[in-house]
Amino acid sequence: MIETVKLNEAQKKSRRNRNIALGLLLAGLVVLFYVITLVKIGGLGN
């Protein structure tokens, strides 16, 4: 039988904030790669 860990409110809030930060970081990297790709393909860097 699998036992689950019960998180208190502070731990839940901490986990949520960390997940939001990681999500924003990932979204930022996606935007950065998209802009770099546009610059390389579009020739905007010339």
PDB file of N, CA and C in Angstrom:
ATOM      1  N   MET A   1       0.834  -1.185   0.000  1.00  0.00           N
ATOM      2  CA  MET A   1       0.000   0.000   0.000  1.00  0.00           C
ATOM      3  C   MET A   1       0.883   1.254   0.000  1.00  0.00           C
ATOM      4  N   ILE A   2       0.495   2.224  -0.790  1.00  0.00           N
ATOM      5  CA  ILE A   2       1.274   3.460  -0.904  1.00  0.00           C
ATOM      6  C   ILE A   2       0.769   4.477   0.105  1.00  0.00           C
ATOM      7  N   GLU A   3       1.709   5.019   0.882  1.00  0.00           N
ATOM      8  CA  GLU A   3       1.354   6.064   1.836  1.00  0.00           C
ATOM      9  C   GLU A   3       1.640   7.422   1.209  1.00  0.00           C
ATOM     10  N   THR A   4       0.697   8.328   1.330  1.00  0.00           N
ATOM     11  CA  THR A   4       0.905   9.666   0.784  1.00  0.00           C
ATOM     12  C   THR A   4       1.380  10.604   1.883  1.00  0.00           C
ATOM     13  N   VAL A   5       2.155  11.588   1.473  1.00  0.00           N
ATOM     14  CA  VAL A   5       2.675  12.578   2.411  1.00  0.00           C
ATOM     15  C   VAL A   5       1.681  13.727   2.488  1.00  0.00           C
ATOM     16  N   LYS A   6       1.323  14.104   3.699  1.00  0.00           N
ATOM     17  CA  LYS A   6       0.415  15.226   3.900  1.00  0.00           C
ATOM     18  C   LYS A   6       1.238  16.509   4.030  1.00  0.00           C
ATOM     19  N   LEU A   7       0.960  17.478   3.159  1.00  0.00           N
ATOM     20  CA  LEU A   7       1.675  18.749   3.213  1.00  0.00           C
ATOM     21  C   LEU A   7       0.858  19.766   3.991  1.00  0.00           C
ATOM     22  N   ASN A   8       1.550  20.569   4.809  1.00  0.00           N
ATOM     23  CA  ASN A   8       0.830  21.627   5.499  1.00  0.00           C
ATOM     24  C   ASN A   8       0.685  22.827   4.550  1.00  0.00           C
ATOM     25  N   GLU A   9      -0.010  23.843   4.991  1.00  0.00           N
ATOM     26  CA  GLU A   9      -0.314  24.982   4.109  1.00  0.00           C
ATOM     27  C   GLU A   9       0.953  25.710   3.658  1.00  0.00           C
ATOM     28  N   ALA A  10       1.920  25.847   4.547  1.00  0.00           N
ATOM     29  CA  ALA A  10       3.166  26.532   4.186  1.00  0.00           C
ATOM     30  C   ALA A  10       3.907  25.754   3.094  1.00  0.00           C
ATOM     31  N   GLN A  11       3.917  24.448   3.203  1.00  0.00           N
ATOM     32  CA  GLN A  11       4.585  23.619   2.201  1.00  0.00           C
ATOM     33  C   GLN A  11       3.849  23.689   0.868  1.00  0.00           C
ATOM     34  N   LYS A  12       2.524  23.705   0.903  1.00  0.00           N
ATOM     35  CA  LYS A  12       1.737  23.809  -0.333  1.00  0.00           C
ATOM     36  C   LYS A  12       1.993  25.143  -1.019  1.00  0.00           C
ATOM     37  N   LYS A  13       2.048  26.221  -0.238  1.00  0.00           N
ATOM     38  CA  LYS A  13       2.294  27.548  -0.794  1.00  0.00           C
ATOM     39  C   LYS A  13       3.697  27.623  -1.383  1.00  0.00           C
ATOM     40  N   SER A  14       4.667  27.062  -0.669  1.00  0.00           N
ATOM     41  CA  SER A  14       6.043  27.055  -1.144  1.00  0.00           C
ATOM     42  C   SER A  14       6.155  26.283  -2.454  1.00  0.00           C
ATOM     43  N   ARG A  15       5.511  25.135  -2.542  1.00  0.00           N
ATOM     44  CA  ARG A  15       5.548  24.321  -3.754  1.00  0.00           C
ATOM     45  C   ARG A  15       4.876  25.058  -4.913  1.00  0.00           C
ATOM     46  N   ARG A  16       3.749  25.707  -4.626  1.00  0.00           N
ATOM     47  CA  ARG A  16       3.038  26.448  -5.674  1.00  0.00           C
ATOM     48  C   ARG A  16       3.895  27.602  -6.196  1.00  0.00           C
ATOM     49  N   ASN A  17       4.527  28.347  -5.294  1.00  0.00           N
ATOM     50  CA  ASN A  17       5.377  29.455  -5.716  1.00  0.00           C
ATOM     51  C   ASN A  17       6.566  28.968  -6.546  1.00  0.00           C
ATOM     52  N   ARG A  18       7.144  27.849  -6.142  1.00  0.00           N
ATOM     53  CA  ARG A  18       8.272  27.285  -6.894  1.00  0.00           C
ATOM     54  C   ARG A  18       7.817  26.842  -8.282  1.00  0.00           C
ATOM     55  N   ASN A  19       6.636  26.221  -8.373  1.00  0.00           N
ATOM     56  CA  ASN A  19       6.111  25.789  -9.664  1.00  0.00           C
ATOM     57  C   ASN A  19       5.823  26.977 -10.569  1.00  0.00           C
ATOM     58  N   ILE A  20       5.285  28.051 -10.008  1.00  0.00           N
ATOM     59  CA  ILE A  20       5.025  29.255 -10.797  1.00  0.00           C
ATOM     60  C   ILE A  20       6.338  29.838 -11.313  1.00  0.00           C
ATOM     61  N   ALA A  21       7.350  29.892 -10.461  1.00  0.00           N
ATOM     62  CA  ALA A  21       8.653  30.423 -10.872  1.00  0.00           C
ATOM     63  C   ALA A  21       9.257  29.578 -11.987  1.00  0.00           C
ATOM     64  N   LEU A  22       9.171  28.263 -11.866  1.00  0.00           N
ATOM     65  CA  LEU A  22       9.706  27.388 -12.911  1.00  0.00           C
ATOM     66  C   LEU A  22       8.930  27.552 -14.212  1.00  0.00           C
ATOM     67  N   GLY A  23       7.625  27.713 -14.110  1.00  0.00           N
ATOM     68  CA  GLY A  23       6.802  27.931 -15.302  1.00  0.00           C
ATOM     69  C   GLY A  23       7.171  29.220 -16.010  1.00  0.00           C
ATOM     70  N   LEU A  24       7.375  30.288 -15.237  1.00  0.00           N
ATOM     71  CA  LEU A  24       7.767  31.564 -15.838  1.00  0.00           C
ATOM     72  C   LEU A  24       9.151  31.466 -16.477  1.00  0.00           C
ATOM     73  N   LEU A  25      10.055  30.764 -15.822  1.00  0.00           N
ATOM     74  CA  LEU A  25      11.388  30.570 -16.381  1.00  0.00           C
ATOM     75  C   LEU A  25      11.315  29.815 -17.704  1.00  0.00           C
ATOM     76  N   LEU A  26      10.530  28.759 -17.734  1.00  0.00           N
ATOM     77  CA  LEU A  26      10.376  27.972 -18.956  1.00  0.00           C
ATOM     78  C   LEU A  26       9.758  28.812 -20.065  1.00  0.00           C
ATOM     79  N   ALA A  27       8.729  29.595 -19.745  1.00  0.00           N
ATOM     80  CA  ALA A  27       8.088  30.465 -20.740  1.00  0.00           C
ATOM     81  C   ALA A  27       9.095  31.496 -21.250  1.00  0.00           C
ATOM     82  N   GLY A  28       9.919  32.035 -20.369  1.00  0.00           N
ATOM     83  CA  GLY A  28      10.940  32.993 -20.776  1.00  0.00           C
ATOM     84  C   GLY A  28      11.943  32.379 -21.744  1.00  0.00           C
ATOM     85  N   LEU A  29      12.349  31.143 -21.479  1.00  0.00           N
ATOM     86  CA  LEU A  29      13.274  30.462 -22.388  1.00  0.00           C
ATOM     87  C   LEU A  29      12.641  30.226 -23.752  1.00  0.00           C
ATOM     88  N   VAL A  30      11.361  29.853 -23.760  1.00  0.00           N
ATOM     89  CA  VAL A  30      10.653  29.645 -25.025  1.00  0.00           C
ATOM     90  C   VAL A  30      10.642  30.936 -25.834  1.00  0.00           C
ATOM     91  N   VAL A  31      10.310  32.049 -25.176  1.00  0.00           N
ATOM     92  CA  VAL A  31      10.293  33.345 -25.868  1.00  0.00           C
ATOM     93  C   VAL A  31      11.685  33.697 -26.371  1.00  0.00           C
ATOM     94  N   LEU A  32      12.699  33.480 -25.565  1.00  0.00           N
ATOM     95  CA  LEU A  32      14.075  33.778 -25.965  1.00  0.00           C
ATOM     96  C   LEU A  32      14.471  32.976 -27.203  1.00  0.00           C
ATOM     97  N   PHE A  33      14.204  31.674 -27.205  1.00  0.00           N
ATOM     98  CA  PHE A  33      14.543  30.840 -28.364  1.00  0.00           C
ATOM     99  C   PHE A  33      13.758  31.266 -29.597  1.00  0.00           C
ATOM    100  N   TYR A  34      12.501  31.668 -29.407  1.00  0.00           N
ATOM    101  CA  TYR A  34      11.671  32.117 -30.519  1.00  0.00           C
ATOM    102  C   TYR A  34      12.264  33.381 -31.140  1.00  0.00           C
ATOM    103  N   VAL A  35      12.658  34.327 -30.308  1.00  0.00           N
ATOM    104  CA  VAL A  35      13.242  35.575 -30.806  1.00  0.00           C
ATOM    105  C   VAL A  35      14.567  35.297 -31.512  1.00  0.00           C
ATOM    106  N   ILE A  36      15.403  34.452 -30.934  1.00  0.00           N
ATOM    107  CA  ILE A  36      16.683  34.112 -31.562  1.00  0.00           C
ATOM    108  C   ILE A  36      16.444  33.468 -32.924  1.00  0.00           C
ATOM    109  N   THR A  37      15.463  32.579 -32.998  1.00  0.00           N
ATOM    110  CA  THR A  37      15.147  31.917 -34.264  1.00  0.00           C
ATOM    111  C   THR A  37      14.662  32.935 -35.294  1.00  0.00           C
ATOM    112  N   LEU A  38      13.799  33.859 -34.891  1.00  0.00           N
ATOM    113  CA  LEU A  38      13.334  34.879 -35.824  1.00  0.00           C
ATOM    114  C   LEU A  38      14.495  35.719 -36.343  1.00  0.00           C
ATOM    115  N   VAL A  39      15.398  36.077 -35.459  1.00  0.00           N
ATOM    116  CA  VAL A  39      16.543  36.898 -35.860  1.00  0.00           C
ATOM    117  C   VAL A  39      17.416  36.137 -36.850  1.00  0.00           C
ATOM    118  N   LYS A  40      17.684  34.867 -36.584  1.00  0.00           N
ATOM    119  CA  LYS A  40      18.542  34.079 -37.467  1.00  0.00           C
ATOM    120  C   LYS A  40      17.884  33.826 -38.819  1.00  0.00           C
ATOM    121  N   ILE A  41      16.630  33.432 -38.820  1.00  0.00           N
ATOM    122  CA  ILE A  41      15.938  33.087 -40.058  1.00  0.00           C
ATOM    123  C   ILE A  41      15.530  34.364 -40.825  1.00  0.00           C
ATOM    124  N   GLY A  42      15.049  35.351 -40.108  1.00  0.00           N
ATOM    125  CA  GLY A  42      14.560  36.553 -40.752  1.00  0.00           C
ATOM    126  C   GLY A  42      15.651  37.504 -41.223  1.00  0.00           C
ATOM    127  N   GLY A  43      16.860  37.277 -40.796  1.00  0.00           N
ATOM    128  CA  GLY A  43      17.940  38.149 -41.205  1.00  0.00           C
ATOM    129  C   GLY A  43      17.909  39.505 -40.531  1.00  0.00           C
ATOM    130  N   LEU A  44      17.221  39.613 -39.390  1.00  0.00           N
ATOM    131  CA  LEU A  44      17.130  40.898 -38.701  1.00  0.00           C
ATOM    132  C   LEU A  44      18.454  41.279 -38.058  1.00  0.00           C
ATOM    133  N   GLY A  45      19.337  40.337 -37.901  1.00  0.00           N
ATOM    134  CA  GLY A  45      20.614  40.599 -37.272  1.00  0.00           C
ATOM    135  C   GLY A  45      21.639  41.205 -38.211  1.00  0.00           C
ATOM    136  N   ASN A  46      21.333  41.269 -39.504  1.00  0.00           N
ATOM    137  CA  ASN A  46      22.285  41.798 -40.495  1.00  0.00           C
ATOM    138  C   ASN A  46      22.228  43.294 -40.572  1.00  0.00           C
TER     139      ASN A  46
END
